[in-house]
Every structure is written in structure tokens, then in C-alpha cells.
């Protein structure tokens, strides 16, 4: 069994809860309570959930971390 320091474990396993609004064309896509390790991962989750309507060129107009575990 590999020994892992508690501090290292908590850093790798910690997730944040994001609230994101993304502008694509004339539509605003809102994602609430997205559990992700960082902002980039939260945006990737939004891309998947939108069925590909959100792209890399879409504009993030709001991104807020609601809660840290």
C-alpha cells in the first residue's frame, strides 16, 4: 500500500462547486452546481452537457466558486 500524506490527498481529491454562465451566439447557457477540480474542467463539463453547442470560442461571462470541499 502506498503512503500518501493527508495534505497531498486533500489537494488532489478536493472539488469545488461552480456556477457558470457562457454566451454562445444570442444564447446564454447557465450551469449550476457543477462539481469540478478547476474552472477548465467545469467548462468542459458544460461543453459536454450542451451537446457541443458550447465551443472553445464561446465567451464565459460569469464563473463563481460557490463551495469548497
C-alpha atoms as a PDB file:
ATOM      1  CA  UNK A   1       0.000   0.000   0.000  1.00  0.00           C
ATOM      2  CA  UNK A   2       1.361   3.406  -0.975  1.00  0.00           C
ATOM      3  CA  UNK A   3       1.675   6.017   1.753  1.00  0.00           C
ATOM      4  CA  UNK A   4       0.143   9.367   0.859  1.00  0.00           C
ATOM      5  CA  UNK A   5       0.311  12.430   3.037  1.00  0.00           C
ATOM      6  CA  UNK A   6      -3.083  13.811   4.042  1.00  0.00           C
ATOM      7  CA  UNK A   7      -2.253  17.253   2.620  1.00  0.00           C
ATOM      8  CA  UNK A   8      -1.416  15.770  -0.799  1.00  0.00           C
ATOM      9  CA  UNK A   9      -4.543  13.619  -0.747  1.00  0.00           C
ATOM     10  CA  UNK A  10      -6.805  16.550   0.064  1.00  0.00           C
ATOM     11  CA  UNK A  11      -5.298  18.681  -2.709  1.00  0.00           C
ATOM     12  CA  UNK A  12      -5.791  16.026  -5.361  1.00  0.00           C
ATOM     13  CA  UNK A  13      -9.249  14.963  -4.229  1.00  0.00           C
ATOM     14  CA  UNK A  14     -10.746  18.375  -3.465  1.00  0.00           C
ATOM     15  CA  UNK A  15     -13.549  19.519  -5.706  1.00  0.00           C
ATOM     16  CA  UNK A  16     -15.228  22.868  -5.991  1.00  0.00           C
ATOM     17  CA  UNK A  17     -18.790  23.733  -6.897  1.00  0.00           C
ATOM     18  CA  UNK A  18     -19.033  26.123  -9.846  1.00  0.00           C
ATOM     19  CA  UNK A  19     -21.765  28.356 -11.191  1.00  0.00           C
ATOM     20  CA  UNK A  20     -21.021  29.299 -14.809  1.00  0.00           C
ATOM     21  CA  UNK A  21     -22.723  31.379 -17.497  1.00  0.00           C
ATOM     22  CA  UNK A  22     -21.474  31.045 -21.076  1.00  0.00           C
ATOM     23  CA  UNK A  23     -22.520  33.201 -24.028  1.00  0.00           C
ATOM     24  CA  UNK A  24     -22.811  31.449 -27.389  1.00  0.00           C
ATOM     25  CA  UNK A  25     -24.371  33.499 -30.166  1.00  0.00           C
ATOM     26  CA  UNK A  26     -27.512  35.052 -28.725  1.00  0.00           C
ATOM     27  CA  UNK A  27     -27.990  32.316 -26.098  1.00  0.00           C
ATOM     28  CA  UNK A  28     -26.695  32.235 -22.519  1.00  0.00           C
ATOM     29  CA  UNK A  29     -26.103  28.757 -21.106  1.00  0.00           C
ATOM     30  CA  UNK A  30     -26.221  28.507 -17.307  1.00  0.00           C
ATOM     31  CA  UNK A  31     -24.599  25.726 -15.332  1.00  0.00           C
ATOM     32  CA  UNK A  32     -25.251  25.488 -11.607  1.00  0.00           C
ATOM     33  CA  UNK A  33     -23.737  23.174  -9.019  1.00  0.00           C
ATOM     34  CA  UNK A  34     -21.057  21.811 -11.363  1.00  0.00           C
ATOM     35  CA  UNK A  35     -18.618  19.728  -9.352  1.00  0.00           C
ATOM     36  CA  UNK A  36     -15.119  20.080 -10.814  1.00  0.00           C
ATOM     37  CA  UNK A  37     -11.477  20.348  -9.777  1.00  0.00           C
ATOM     38  CA  UNK A  38     -10.952  23.665 -11.588  1.00  0.00           C
ATOM     39  CA  UNK A  39     -12.571  26.195 -13.915  1.00  0.00           C
ATOM     40  CA  UNK A  40     -11.323  24.488 -17.085  1.00  0.00           C
ATOM     41  CA  UNK A  41     -12.831  21.163 -16.069  1.00  0.00           C
ATOM     42  CA  UNK A  42     -16.144  22.876 -15.231  1.00  0.00           C
ATOM     43  CA  UNK A  43     -16.222  24.454 -18.703  1.00  0.00           C
ATOM     44  CA  UNK A  44     -15.508  21.057 -20.304  1.00  0.00           C
ATOM     45  CA  UNK A  45     -18.444  19.600 -18.385  1.00  0.00           C
ATOM     46  CA  UNK A  46     -20.637  22.447 -19.678  1.00  0.00           C
ATOM     47  CA  UNK A  47     -19.481  21.679 -23.234  1.00  0.00           C
ATOM     48  CA  UNK A  48     -20.468  18.029 -22.896  1.00  0.00           C
ATOM     49  CA  UNK A  49     -23.814  18.816 -21.271  1.00  0.00           C
ATOM     50  CA  UNK A  50     -24.690  21.319 -24.022  1.00  0.00           C
ATOM     51  CA  UNK A  51     -24.275  18.647 -26.676  1.00  0.00           C
ATOM     52  CA  UNK A  52     -21.402  20.519 -28.284  1.00  0.00           C
ATOM     53  CA  UNK A  53     -23.250  23.836 -28.650  1.00  0.00           C
ATOM     54  CA  UNK A  54     -20.657  25.493 -26.404  1.00  0.00           C
ATOM     55  CA  UNK A  55     -17.238  25.676 -28.071  1.00  0.00           C
ATOM     56  CA  UNK A  56     -13.768  26.962 -27.184  1.00  0.00           C
ATOM     57  CA  UNK A  57     -14.750  30.245 -28.824  1.00  0.00           C
ATOM     58  CA  UNK A  58     -17.766  30.749 -26.522  1.00  0.00           C
ATOM     59  CA  UNK A  59     -17.453  33.569 -24.010  1.00  0.00           C
ATOM     60  CA  UNK A  60     -17.550  32.854 -20.269  1.00  0.00           C
ATOM     61  CA  UNK A  61     -19.491  35.796 -18.850  1.00  0.00           C
ATOM     62  CA  UNK A  62     -19.701  34.578 -15.239  1.00  0.00           C
ATOM     63  CA  UNK A  63     -17.795  31.982 -13.222  1.00  0.00           C
ATOM     64  CA  UNK A  64     -18.176  31.696  -9.469  1.00  0.00           C
ATOM     65  CA  UNK A  65     -16.883  29.148  -6.983  1.00  0.00           C
ATOM     66  CA  UNK A  66     -19.754  28.508  -4.601  1.00  0.00           C
ATOM     67  CA  UNK A  67     -18.297  25.987  -2.198  1.00  0.00           C
ATOM     68  CA  UNK A  68     -15.007  24.265  -1.489  1.00  0.00           C
ATOM     69  CA  UNK A  69     -14.975  20.728  -0.062  1.00  0.00           C
END
